Amino acid sequence: MGKILSVNDAPAKLISREIDRRVSKGGKPGAWPPLCSAARRLWLADHQYTDALRQLSQFQKHELPAAANAPPGAFGISGPLQTLADLTSVAMEDFKVVYFGEGDLEKLQLCYMLEQQQRNAVGDSLNPVQTILEYNTRLENGASWDIIRPALQLSIRAAFMNGIIKDGFLEPRLPNGSTPAVEDFRRAVDLTEEARRVFANVPGHIRGRTLEKTFLRGLKIRLAESLIKLYNHTEPPTLTIIEEIKNIGDWLVASCESSPLPEVDPPNSPETAERYWDLYTPHWGYPRAMGHIFRGMAYMQLGLHWNRVQLDSRTGKKGPSTGNMRDLRVAAEEYAQGAAWLPDDDVDGTNALWMAVFCMVRRGAYYLGDLQLMRTMALHEQGLWGPWFGGDYIPAGHSGKLASGEALRQSEGADPETICSPLVEWGEGVEVDQDILGEVLMPYIGRALRTTEREGGGMLLLGKIVRGVWEERRKLGEPGVGGLWEGLPGRVRENWESVWATYEKERLEGRRGGGGVTESLDKISLAERLM
């Protein structure tokens, strides 16, 4: 989550201009952006957000009539109710559509004040459990859900919007080391979860959309993004933050696996298909992808910071260090799954691909052809979202780009089936007096290949994971997925098919007691790898 954009920088506005350009050239309205694309998701969300800002612009203060006998300084407020709900519904789907113009924050404050007055909502003076208890008490005392629902909705959405504003405009830290945005997002999540627990037996159409699981997914995504930002600005980084990010990722994935499809008419006609996939993309596909990405980030940090591995040489001296083999394997696989669940024009998916590349290169025991595939996919995707975000949105100094460039440079001229060693680094004060290949990397790779996959060993093959997710999406009927593999350069696809055949052959030989591991070790790149 970054700074709140101005309207001129908003990617969705550039996408809208491209739609207008295509239509002016004779293109059919609605033909682009295609169903399930990230461009379409941003464009549709921006339509809703623009309407919500138009409502926000109608808020104004006005003097009270003399007959009101109002105290000095008092004023009235007018404006359309439900404006805050409309703004937060879009921001929950994707923060990248959020932008504010001059005067919008002042209008937003008026919106808060009017809705608070009209709804009689519980403010933030009570904690989440006390807040929901208060609403339940009102129900028991005779209040109807027509009264409680909008008030409860305002309590949750006001906390959420407070987090958006603070994260977009403010950077202060609280005494306990957290940030205001984290506290507000967490309050919104806690209020929603407590309300879902207390009112579990109330039908969904009565308690309202704010308590639906799809809305909670969006809240948790924004919370996890703010936690990552907090982690990156915390010295020293704490395991507690990583655990919370991982728990959110686990919940998102489990939530989408338990209810993987929209509860609307199946896409059997053009009309139902459009509605179905426009719901699926932001509320099922995107949250599932982000869940895997959050888990990838958590395991990567665990692998690099808490369980670092220092490699011993046969001389008895300490060698260079790399990450924890198991954690980096899981991290690479989670990032790859997250990228594969996103459309190929999604900037978040491309970032996840580069992070997967970083983790695979730091871990080692991967095929060169698999690395080439992942890198090619990332570069291919950059060309798809580049016009809306700018080609440097993911900077040249990204850790994944640097790691892939280093690995490819040192494997230049090798066959796709070559098994690459990890990138390693020397600690401060460690004497560099060893044969990197013979004394450090070969033993490490041998241990990796002989260790079971369950314990983090074995060959890392991310292309298999990506293609598996693509196949799952194809079986769901998602439009356009079938052409993802064919859209990549033929040479890269052929190299990867060769890698896959080698992997299957050696895995079969390993089960039969053959020389699969021995043959693999013979194919390790002879390059010394230093970072």
Protein backbone atom coordinates (compact mmCIF):
# COMPACT_ATOMS: atom_id res chain seq x y z
CA MET A 1 0.00 0.00 0.00
CA GLY A 2 1.55 3.31 -1.03
CA LYS A 3 0.67 6.95 -0.96
CA ILE A 4 -2.83 7.94 -2.01
CA LEU A 5 -2.68 8.95 -5.66
CA SER A 6 -3.91 12.10 -7.32
CA VAL A 7 -6.58 11.63 -9.95
CA ASN A 8 -4.06 12.29 -12.72
CA ASP A 9 -1.87 9.41 -11.54
CA ALA A 10 -4.66 6.87 -11.03
CA PRO A 11 -4.14 3.84 -13.33
CA ALA A 12 -7.89 3.36 -13.74
CA LYS A 13 -8.18 6.83 -15.30
CA LEU A 14 -5.53 5.92 -17.87
CA ILE A 15 -7.41 2.70 -18.59
CA SER A 16 -10.63 4.67 -19.13
CA ARG A 17 -8.84 6.93 -21.62
CA GLU A 18 -7.59 3.87 -23.48
CA ILE A 19 -11.16 2.54 -23.66
CA ASP A 20 -12.29 5.85 -25.16
CA ARG A 21 -9.43 5.74 -27.66
CA ARG A 22 -10.32 2.23 -28.79
CA VAL A 23 -14.00 3.07 -29.17
CA SER A 24 -13.13 6.22 -31.16
CA LYS A 25 -11.13 3.99 -33.54
CA GLY A 26 -14.15 1.81 -34.17
CA GLY A 27 -13.72 -0.71 -31.37
CA LYS A 28 -16.77 -2.36 -29.87
CA PRO A 29 -17.72 -0.90 -26.47
CA GLY A 30 -17.15 -3.48 -23.73
CA ALA A 31 -14.72 -5.58 -25.74
CA TRP A 32 -11.77 -4.24 -23.72
CA PRO A 33 -10.66 -4.69 -20.99
CA PRO A 34 -11.55 -8.39 -21.13
CA LEU A 35 -13.37 -10.29 -18.41
CA CYS A 36 -11.19 -11.27 -15.41
CA SER A 37 -8.38 -8.88 -16.32
CA ALA A 38 -6.82 -6.61 -13.72
CA ALA A 39 -7.48 -3.64 -16.01
CA ARG A 40 -11.20 -4.42 -16.00
CA ARG A 41 -11.23 -4.84 -12.21
CA LEU A 42 -9.62 -1.42 -11.73
CA TRP A 43 -11.88 0.18 -14.32
CA LEU A 44 -15.11 -1.15 -12.75
CA ALA A 45 -13.95 -0.18 -9.26
CA ASP A 46 -13.11 3.31 -10.47
CA HIS A 47 -16.63 3.76 -11.83
CA GLN A 48 -18.01 3.06 -8.36
CA TYR A 49 -15.40 5.24 -6.70
CA THR A 50 -16.09 8.17 -9.04
CA ASP A 51 -19.79 7.96 -8.21
CA ALA A 52 -18.97 7.87 -4.49
CA LEU A 53 -16.75 10.96 -4.81
CA ARG A 54 -19.54 12.71 -6.66
CA GLN A 55 -21.79 11.98 -3.68
CA LEU A 56 -19.07 13.22 -1.32
CA SER A 57 -18.85 16.52 -3.20
CA GLN A 58 -22.47 17.24 -2.28
CA PHE A 59 -21.71 17.51 1.43
CA GLN A 60 -21.78 21.05 2.76
CA LYS A 61 -22.19 23.05 5.93
CA HIS A 62 -24.96 25.59 6.29
CA GLU A 63 -26.13 27.99 8.95
CA LEU A 64 -28.97 26.94 11.21
CA PRO A 65 -32.15 29.06 11.27
CA ALA A 66 -32.61 31.43 14.16
CA ALA A 67 -35.60 29.43 15.34
CA ALA A 68 -33.29 26.50 16.08
CA ASN A 69 -31.76 28.36 19.05
CA ALA A 70 -28.44 26.67 18.29
CA PRO A 71 -25.35 27.41 20.43
CA PRO A 72 -22.63 29.65 18.93
CA GLY A 73 -20.59 27.96 16.24
CA ALA A 74 -23.14 25.24 15.54
CA PHE A 75 -23.94 24.40 11.91
CA GLY A 76 -25.99 22.00 9.89
CA ILE A 77 -24.73 19.40 7.40
CA SER A 78 -26.41 18.11 4.30
CA GLY A 79 -25.36 15.31 2.00
CA PRO A 80 -26.40 11.84 0.78
CA LEU A 81 -26.24 9.02 3.33
CA GLN A 82 -24.45 5.77 2.36
CA THR A 83 -21.57 7.78 0.87
CA LEU A 84 -19.07 6.31 3.33
CA ALA A 85 -20.33 2.81 2.55
CA ASP A 86 -19.84 3.36 -1.17
CA LEU A 87 -16.32 4.76 -0.72
CA THR A 88 -15.16 1.96 1.55
CA SER A 89 -16.69 -0.80 -0.59
CA VAL A 90 -14.41 0.20 -3.47
CA ALA A 91 -11.35 0.83 -1.32
CA MET A 92 -11.85 -2.62 0.19
CA GLU A 93 -11.62 -4.18 -3.28
CA ASP A 94 -8.39 -2.47 -4.30
CA PHE A 95 -6.57 0.45 -2.70
CA LYS A 96 -5.10 1.42 -6.09
CA VAL A 97 -8.38 3.10 -7.11
CA VAL A 98 -8.31 5.49 -4.14
CA TYR A 99 -7.48 9.13 -4.80
CA PHE A 100 -8.59 12.41 -3.24
CA GLY A 101 -8.85 15.87 -4.67
CA GLU A 102 -8.63 19.22 -2.96
CA GLY A 103 -11.29 19.59 -0.29
CA ASP A 104 -12.29 15.88 -0.30
CA LEU A 105 -10.94 15.21 3.19
CA GLU A 106 -12.93 18.13 4.60
CA LYS A 107 -16.03 16.76 2.90
CA LEU A 108 -15.25 13.33 4.34
CA GLN A 109 -15.20 14.78 7.84
CA LEU A 110 -18.66 16.25 7.22
CA CYS A 111 -19.81 12.87 5.99
CA TYR A 112 -18.60 11.24 9.22
CA MET A 113 -20.39 13.82 11.34
CA LEU A 114 -23.70 13.59 9.50
CA GLU A 115 -23.79 9.79 9.42
CA GLN A 116 -22.77 9.56 13.08
CA GLN A 117 -25.63 11.86 13.99
CA GLN A 118 -28.18 10.14 11.78
CA ARG A 119 -27.18 6.55 12.64
CA ASN A 120 -26.42 7.00 16.36
CA ALA A 121 -23.40 4.76 15.80
CA VAL A 122 -21.04 3.66 18.58
CA GLY A 123 -17.74 5.52 18.33
CA ASP A 124 -14.23 4.30 19.06
CA SER A 125 -14.46 4.97 22.80
CA LEU A 126 -15.47 1.32 23.26
CA ASN A 127 -13.35 -1.65 22.21
CA PRO A 128 -14.71 -4.04 19.53
CA VAL A 129 -16.24 -6.52 22.01
CA GLN A 130 -17.92 -3.72 23.98
CA THR A 131 -19.14 -2.10 20.77
CA ILE A 132 -20.89 -5.23 19.53
CA LEU A 133 -22.27 -5.86 23.03
CA GLU A 134 -23.80 -2.37 22.94
CA TYR A 135 -25.50 -3.09 19.60
CA ASN A 136 -26.76 -6.44 20.88
CA THR A 137 -28.14 -4.72 23.98
CA ARG A 138 -30.00 -2.24 21.79
CA LEU A 139 -31.55 -5.15 19.87
CA GLU A 140 -32.61 -6.84 23.11
CA ASN A 141 -34.19 -3.57 24.23
CA GLY A 142 -36.42 -3.43 21.16
CA ALA A 143 -34.37 -1.73 18.43
CA SER A 144 -34.87 -3.23 14.97
CA TRP A 145 -32.21 -4.35 12.54
CA ASP A 146 -33.29 -1.49 10.27
CA ILE A 147 -31.85 0.79 12.97
CA ILE A 148 -28.89 -1.35 14.09
CA ARG A 149 -27.62 -2.39 10.65
CA PRO A 150 -26.61 1.09 9.35
CA ALA A 151 -25.14 2.05 12.73
CA LEU A 152 -23.04 -1.12 12.96
CA GLN A 153 -22.00 -0.67 9.35
CA LEU A 154 -20.82 2.88 10.12
CA SER A 155 -18.74 1.73 13.12
CA ILE A 156 -16.86 -0.76 10.94
CA ARG A 157 -16.49 1.37 7.83
CA ALA A 158 -15.45 4.49 9.71
CA ALA A 159 -12.57 2.56 11.31
CA PHE A 160 -11.61 1.21 7.91
CA MET A 161 -11.67 4.64 6.24
CA ASN A 162 -9.64 6.10 9.12
CA GLY A 163 -6.98 3.50 8.33
CA ILE A 164 -7.00 4.39 4.64
CA ILE A 165 -6.57 8.11 5.34
CA LYS A 166 -3.82 7.60 7.89
CA ASP A 167 -1.94 5.11 5.73
CA GLY A 168 -2.17 7.36 2.70
CA PHE A 169 -1.22 10.63 4.33
CA LEU A 170 0.43 10.02 7.69
CA GLU A 171 3.56 8.21 8.84
CA PRO A 172 3.67 8.72 12.64
CA ARG A 173 4.37 5.84 14.99
CA LEU A 174 2.50 5.14 18.19
CA PRO A 175 4.38 4.53 21.48
CA ASN A 176 3.81 0.76 21.24
CA GLY A 177 5.63 0.63 17.89
CA SER A 178 2.55 0.21 15.68
CA THR A 179 1.10 2.72 13.25
CA PRO A 180 -2.30 4.44 13.33
CA ALA A 181 -3.35 2.67 10.13
CA VAL A 182 -2.67 -0.78 11.59
CA GLU A 183 -4.73 0.03 14.67
CA ASP A 184 -7.69 1.26 12.61
CA PHE A 185 -7.61 -1.63 10.14
CA ARG A 186 -7.34 -4.10 13.00
CA ARG A 187 -10.30 -2.45 14.73
CA ALA A 188 -12.39 -2.82 11.55
CA VAL A 189 -11.45 -6.50 11.30
CA ASP A 190 -12.08 -7.17 15.01
CA LEU A 191 -15.47 -5.43 14.89
CA THR A 192 -16.50 -7.49 11.87
CA GLU A 193 -15.35 -10.81 13.32
CA GLU A 194 -17.02 -10.14 16.66
CA ALA A 195 -20.25 -9.11 14.94
CA ARG A 196 -20.19 -12.23 12.75
CA ARG A 197 -19.75 -14.33 15.91
CA VAL A 198 -22.47 -12.66 17.98
CA PHE A 199 -24.96 -12.41 15.10
CA ALA A 200 -24.07 -15.73 13.44
CA ASN A 201 -27.70 -16.89 13.43
CA VAL A 202 -29.05 -13.69 11.86
CA PRO A 203 -29.74 -14.15 8.12
CA GLY A 204 -27.27 -12.37 5.86
CA HIS A 205 -29.85 -10.17 4.15
CA ILE A 206 -30.87 -8.81 7.57
CA ARG A 207 -27.47 -8.13 9.14
CA GLY A 208 -26.11 -6.63 5.89
CA ARG A 209 -23.29 -6.97 3.38
CA THR A 210 -20.70 -5.46 5.72
CA LEU A 211 -20.72 -8.71 7.69
CA GLU A 212 -20.29 -10.95 4.65
CA LYS A 213 -17.14 -13.02 4.35
CA THR A 214 -16.21 -11.32 1.09
CA PHE A 215 -16.08 -7.94 2.84
CA LEU A 216 -14.01 -9.38 5.67
CA ARG A 217 -11.52 -10.70 3.10
CA GLY A 218 -10.99 -7.19 1.81
CA LEU A 219 -10.51 -5.81 5.32
CA LYS A 220 -7.92 -8.46 6.12
CA ILE A 221 -6.00 -7.76 2.91
CA ARG A 222 -5.71 -4.09 3.79
CA LEU A 223 -4.64 -5.01 7.35
CA ALA A 224 -1.94 -7.37 6.07
CA GLU A 225 -0.64 -4.73 3.66
CA SER A 226 -0.35 -2.21 6.49
CA LEU A 227 1.41 -4.83 8.65
CA ILE A 228 3.98 -5.42 5.89
CA LYS A 229 4.58 -1.68 5.78
CA LEU A 230 4.95 -1.67 9.56
CA TYR A 231 7.37 -4.61 9.44
CA ASN A 232 9.52 -2.88 6.86
CA HIS A 233 9.85 0.16 9.13
CA THR A 234 10.41 -1.68 12.41
CA GLU A 235 13.94 -2.07 13.82
CA PRO A 236 14.61 -4.74 14.70
CA PRO A 237 11.87 -6.62 12.80
CA THR A 238 9.67 -8.69 15.10
CA LEU A 239 8.41 -12.22 14.68
CA THR A 240 5.00 -11.19 16.05
CA ILE A 241 4.25 -9.09 12.96
CA ILE A 242 5.29 -11.93 10.64
CA GLU A 243 3.05 -14.38 12.49
CA GLU A 244 0.05 -12.06 12.12
CA ILE A 245 0.71 -11.63 8.38
CA LYS A 246 1.00 -15.40 7.95
CA ASN A 247 -2.21 -16.00 9.93
CA ILE A 248 -4.08 -13.58 7.66
CA GLY A 249 -2.69 -15.37 4.61
CA ASP A 250 -3.77 -18.74 6.01
CA TRP A 251 -7.27 -17.42 6.69
CA LEU A 252 -7.66 -15.92 3.21
CA VAL A 253 -6.60 -19.10 1.43
CA ALA A 254 -8.79 -21.32 3.63
CA SER A 255 -11.72 -18.93 3.23
CA CYS A 256 -11.52 -19.02 -0.57
CA GLU A 257 -11.01 -22.77 -0.67
CA SER A 258 -14.09 -23.37 1.49
CA SER A 259 -16.33 -21.15 -0.67
CA PRO A 260 -14.45 -20.78 -3.98
CA LEU A 261 -17.19 -19.45 -6.25
CA PRO A 262 -19.76 -16.61 -6.27
CA GLU A 263 -23.24 -17.53 -5.07
CA VAL A 264 -24.94 -16.17 -8.18
CA ASP A 265 -26.25 -17.65 -11.40
CA PRO A 266 -23.55 -19.69 -13.19
CA PRO A 267 -21.99 -18.11 -16.32
CA ASN A 268 -24.18 -19.90 -18.86
CA SER A 269 -24.97 -16.82 -20.95
CA PRO A 270 -23.18 -13.58 -21.84
CA GLU A 271 -25.29 -11.69 -19.30
CA THR A 272 -24.69 -14.06 -16.39
CA ALA A 273 -21.03 -14.57 -17.37
CA GLU A 274 -20.30 -10.87 -17.08
CA ARG A 275 -21.89 -10.58 -13.65
CA TYR A 276 -20.34 -13.85 -12.44
CA TRP A 277 -16.73 -13.11 -13.40
CA ASP A 278 -16.92 -9.45 -12.37
CA LEU A 279 -17.79 -10.73 -8.89
CA TYR A 280 -15.31 -13.60 -8.93
CA THR A 281 -12.23 -11.54 -9.82
CA PRO A 282 -12.20 -9.10 -6.85
CA HIS A 283 -13.90 -11.28 -4.23
CA TRP A 284 -12.51 -14.78 -4.86
CA GLY A 285 -9.51 -14.83 -7.22
CA TYR A 286 -7.78 -11.72 -5.87
CA PRO A 287 -8.14 -12.55 -2.13
CA ARG A 288 -6.92 -16.10 -2.72
CA ALA A 289 -3.88 -14.79 -4.56
CA MET A 290 -3.12 -12.25 -1.84
CA GLY A 291 -3.40 -14.96 0.81
CA HIS A 292 -0.65 -16.94 -0.90
CA ILE A 293 1.46 -13.79 -1.35
CA PHE A 294 1.17 -12.92 2.36
CA ARG A 295 2.23 -16.45 3.27
CA GLY A 296 5.14 -16.17 0.85
CA MET A 297 6.29 -12.95 2.47
CA ALA A 298 6.08 -14.48 5.95
CA TYR A 299 8.04 -17.62 5.04
CA MET A 300 10.64 -15.59 3.17
CA GLN A 301 11.31 -13.44 6.21
CA LEU A 302 11.43 -16.52 8.43
CA GLY A 303 13.89 -18.16 6.05
CA LEU A 304 16.19 -15.16 5.87
CA HIS A 305 16.14 -13.75 9.38
CA TRP A 306 15.34 -16.30 12.07
CA ASN A 307 16.62 -19.59 10.74
CA ARG A 308 19.64 -18.59 8.72
CA VAL A 309 21.92 -21.44 7.71
CA GLN A 310 25.68 -21.09 7.93
CA LEU A 311 27.34 -23.65 5.70
CA ASP A 312 30.26 -25.63 7.11
CA SER A 313 33.21 -26.71 4.97
CA ARG A 314 35.19 -29.88 5.50
CA THR A 315 38.01 -27.75 6.92
CA GLY A 316 35.88 -27.12 9.96
CA LYS A 317 35.68 -23.40 9.33
CA LYS A 318 32.48 -21.47 8.90
CA GLY A 319 31.43 -20.83 5.34
CA PRO A 320 28.97 -18.34 3.85
CA SER A 321 25.31 -18.30 4.80
CA THR A 322 22.13 -18.80 2.87
CA GLY A 323 18.51 -18.97 3.94
CA ASN A 324 16.68 -21.81 5.64
CA MET A 325 16.09 -24.42 2.94
CA ARG A 326 12.56 -25.34 4.00
CA ASP A 327 11.23 -21.83 4.58
CA LEU A 328 12.61 -20.49 1.30
CA ARG A 329 11.10 -23.39 -0.61
CA VAL A 330 7.67 -22.73 0.90
CA ALA A 331 8.06 -18.99 0.28
CA ALA A 332 8.93 -19.49 -3.40
CA GLU A 333 5.99 -21.84 -3.90
CA GLU A 334 3.53 -19.53 -2.12
CA TYR A 335 4.63 -16.51 -4.16
CA ALA A 336 4.31 -18.58 -7.36
CA GLN A 337 0.79 -19.68 -6.43
CA GLY A 338 -0.19 -16.11 -5.62
CA ALA A 339 1.09 -14.88 -8.97
CA ALA A 340 -0.66 -17.70 -10.83
CA TRP A 341 -4.05 -16.87 -9.28
CA LEU A 342 -3.86 -13.28 -10.54
CA PRO A 343 -4.51 -12.07 -14.11
CA ASP A 344 -1.39 -11.73 -16.23
CA ASP A 345 -1.84 -7.94 -16.38
CA ASP A 346 -1.84 -7.55 -12.58
CA VAL A 347 1.10 -5.61 -11.18
CA ASP A 348 0.80 -7.47 -7.86
CA GLY A 349 1.21 -10.76 -9.70
CA THR A 350 4.39 -9.57 -11.40
CA ASN A 351 5.84 -8.47 -8.09
CA ALA A 352 5.01 -11.89 -6.64
CA LEU A 353 6.83 -13.56 -9.57
CA TRP A 354 9.97 -11.56 -8.85
CA MET A 355 9.75 -12.43 -5.16
CA ALA A 356 9.38 -16.12 -6.08
CA VAL A 357 12.50 -15.78 -8.24
CA PHE A 358 14.41 -14.21 -5.36
CA CYS A 359 13.45 -17.05 -3.01
CA MET A 360 14.31 -19.80 -5.52
CA VAL A 361 17.72 -18.28 -6.29
CA ARG A 362 18.58 -17.86 -2.61
CA ARG A 363 17.54 -21.45 -1.90
CA GLY A 364 19.17 -23.18 -4.87
CA ALA A 365 18.46 -26.69 -6.22
CA TYR A 366 16.33 -25.44 -9.11
CA TYR A 367 16.55 -25.92 -12.87
CA LEU A 368 17.94 -23.09 -14.97
CA GLY A 369 15.03 -23.58 -17.39
CA ASP A 370 12.54 -23.06 -14.55
CA LEU A 371 14.22 -19.79 -13.60
CA GLN A 372 14.11 -18.66 -17.24
CA LEU A 373 10.38 -19.40 -17.35
CA MET A 374 9.58 -17.40 -14.21
CA ARG A 375 11.72 -14.47 -15.31
CA THR A 376 10.15 -14.45 -18.79
CA MET A 377 6.65 -14.47 -17.29
CA ALA A 378 7.51 -11.47 -15.11
CA LEU A 379 8.95 -9.50 -18.03
CA HIS A 380 5.98 -10.45 -20.23
CA GLU A 381 3.51 -9.25 -17.61
CA GLN A 382 5.36 -5.97 -17.12
CA GLY A 383 4.56 -5.08 -20.71
CA LEU A 384 0.84 -5.60 -20.02
CA TRP A 385 0.46 -3.32 -16.99
CA GLY A 386 3.30 -0.92 -17.84
CA PRO A 387 1.13 1.62 -19.74
CA TRP A 388 -1.05 2.19 -16.65
CA PHE A 389 1.52 2.03 -13.85
CA GLY A 390 4.74 2.94 -15.64
CA GLY A 391 7.45 0.46 -16.55
CA ASP A 392 9.48 1.37 -13.45
CA TYR A 393 6.64 0.70 -10.99
CA ILE A 394 8.65 -2.36 -9.95
CA PRO A 395 12.14 -0.81 -9.80
CA ALA A 396 15.24 -2.15 -11.52
CA GLY A 397 16.79 -2.68 -8.10
CA HIS A 398 14.07 -5.14 -7.02
CA SER A 399 15.67 -8.04 -5.13
CA GLY A 400 14.14 -10.59 -7.51
CA LYS A 401 15.43 -8.81 -10.60
CA LEU A 402 18.92 -8.55 -9.14
CA ALA A 403 18.97 -12.20 -8.04
CA SER A 404 17.76 -13.49 -11.41
CA GLY A 405 20.30 -11.37 -13.29
CA GLU A 406 23.14 -12.66 -11.12
CA ALA A 407 22.04 -16.28 -11.48
CA LEU A 408 21.63 -16.06 -15.26
CA ARG A 409 24.95 -14.29 -15.70
CA GLN A 410 26.76 -17.05 -13.86
CA SER A 411 24.86 -19.80 -15.71
CA GLU A 412 25.37 -18.32 -19.17
CA GLY A 413 25.61 -21.02 -21.85
CA ALA A 414 24.34 -23.81 -19.58
CA ASP A 415 21.59 -26.24 -20.61
CA PRO A 416 18.04 -25.69 -19.30
CA GLU A 417 18.37 -28.90 -17.22
CA THR A 418 21.34 -27.46 -15.32
CA ILE A 419 20.74 -27.46 -11.58
CA CYS A 420 21.75 -24.16 -10.05
CA SER A 421 23.37 -23.55 -6.70
CA PRO A 422 22.08 -20.95 -4.24
CA LEU A 423 23.35 -17.43 -4.01
CA VAL A 424 25.27 -17.15 -0.76
CA GLU A 425 26.82 -14.34 1.23
CA TRP A 426 29.76 -14.07 3.60
CA GLY A 427 29.18 -12.82 7.10
CA GLU A 428 31.27 -10.06 8.61
CA GLY A 429 34.62 -11.34 9.82
CA VAL A 430 34.35 -14.71 8.05
CA GLU A 431 37.57 -15.61 6.24
CA VAL A 432 37.00 -16.32 2.55
CA ASP A 433 39.45 -19.21 2.21
CA GLN A 434 37.34 -22.00 0.75
CA ASP A 435 36.58 -23.64 -2.55
CA ILE A 436 33.00 -22.37 -2.88
CA LEU A 437 31.93 -25.07 -5.30
CA GLY A 438 33.59 -28.12 -3.76
CA GLU A 439 33.45 -27.31 -0.08
CA VAL A 440 30.22 -25.35 0.24
CA LEU A 441 27.80 -25.52 -2.67
CA MET A 442 28.11 -29.15 -3.75
CA PRO A 443 27.49 -30.45 -0.20
CA TYR A 444 24.56 -28.06 0.17
CA ILE A 445 22.96 -29.13 -3.10
CA GLY A 446 23.53 -32.78 -2.26
CA ARG A 447 21.76 -32.30 1.05
CA ALA A 448 18.93 -30.41 -0.64
CA LEU A 449 18.34 -33.14 -3.22
CA ARG A 450 18.50 -35.95 -0.65
CA THR A 451 16.12 -34.22 1.76
CA THR A 452 12.42 -35.01 1.30
CA GLU A 453 10.15 -32.31 -0.09
CA ARG A 454 8.14 -32.42 3.13
CA GLU A 455 11.21 -31.12 4.96
CA GLY A 456 12.02 -28.48 2.36
CA GLY A 457 14.37 -30.46 0.14
CA GLY A 458 14.13 -31.86 -3.35
CA MET A 459 14.06 -29.99 -6.62
CA LEU A 460 12.23 -26.67 -6.65
CA LEU A 461 10.00 -26.48 -9.73
CA LEU A 462 7.85 -23.34 -9.73
CA GLY A 463 6.65 -23.69 -13.32
CA LYS A 464 4.81 -26.85 -12.32
CA ILE A 465 2.96 -24.92 -9.61
CA VAL A 466 2.05 -22.03 -11.92
CA ARG A 467 0.76 -24.33 -14.64
CA GLY A 468 -1.22 -26.32 -12.07
CA VAL A 469 -3.04 -23.19 -10.87
CA TRP A 470 -3.68 -22.13 -14.47
CA GLU A 471 -5.25 -25.52 -15.10
CA GLU A 472 -7.44 -25.17 -12.01
CA ARG A 473 -8.59 -21.74 -13.20
CA ARG A 474 -9.29 -23.18 -16.65
CA LYS A 475 -11.47 -25.92 -15.13
CA LEU A 476 -13.41 -23.24 -13.26
CA GLY A 477 -14.18 -21.77 -16.68
CA GLU A 478 -12.31 -18.51 -16.18
CA PRO A 479 -12.02 -16.73 -19.56
CA GLY A 480 -8.61 -16.28 -21.15
CA VAL A 481 -6.62 -18.61 -18.91
CA GLY A 482 -6.15 -21.25 -21.59
CA GLY A 483 -3.90 -18.96 -23.62
CA LEU A 484 -1.49 -17.98 -20.85
CA TRP A 485 1.04 -20.74 -21.59
CA GLU A 486 0.84 -20.33 -25.36
CA GLY A 487 1.42 -16.59 -24.99
CA LEU A 488 5.00 -17.12 -23.78
CA PRO A 489 7.97 -17.35 -26.20
CA GLY A 490 8.32 -20.75 -27.86
CA ARG A 491 11.97 -21.23 -26.88
CA VAL A 492 11.23 -20.70 -23.20
CA ARG A 493 8.30 -23.11 -23.34
CA GLU A 494 10.43 -25.74 -25.10
CA ASN A 495 13.22 -25.35 -22.56
CA TRP A 496 10.78 -25.82 -19.74
CA GLU A 497 9.19 -28.89 -21.34
CA SER A 498 12.71 -30.37 -21.49
CA VAL A 499 13.17 -29.56 -17.80
CA TRP A 500 9.86 -31.20 -16.95
CA ALA A 501 10.79 -34.37 -18.83
CA THR A 502 14.11 -34.52 -16.96
CA TYR A 503 12.40 -33.99 -13.61
CA GLU A 504 9.88 -36.75 -14.23
CA LYS A 505 12.61 -39.15 -15.42
CA GLU A 506 14.85 -38.56 -12.41
CA ARG A 507 11.96 -38.73 -9.96
CA LEU A 508 10.95 -42.10 -11.41
CA GLU A 509 14.53 -43.36 -11.23
CA GLY A 510 14.78 -42.19 -7.64
CA ARG A 511 11.72 -44.25 -6.67
CA ARG A 512 13.29 -47.31 -8.32
CA GLY A 513 16.56 -46.84 -6.47
CA GLY A 514 18.38 -45.57 -9.54
CA GLY A 515 20.86 -42.75 -9.83
CA GLY A 516 18.50 -39.82 -10.03
CA VAL A 517 20.27 -37.74 -7.36
CA THR A 518 23.74 -38.64 -8.62
CA GLU A 519 22.85 -37.65 -12.17
CA SER A 520 21.36 -34.41 -10.86
CA LEU A 521 24.55 -33.51 -9.01
CA ASP A 522 26.52 -33.95 -12.23
CA LYS A 523 24.41 -31.22 -13.82
CA ILE A 524 25.06 -28.53 -11.25
CA SER A 525 26.35 -25.31 -12.75
CA LEU A 526 30.11 -25.02 -12.30
CA ALA A 527 29.86 -21.31 -11.60
CA GLU A 528 30.93 -20.07 -8.19
CA ARG A 529 28.10 -18.03 -6.69
CA LEU A 530 28.88 -15.07 -4.51
CA MET A 531 26.50 -12.33 -3.51
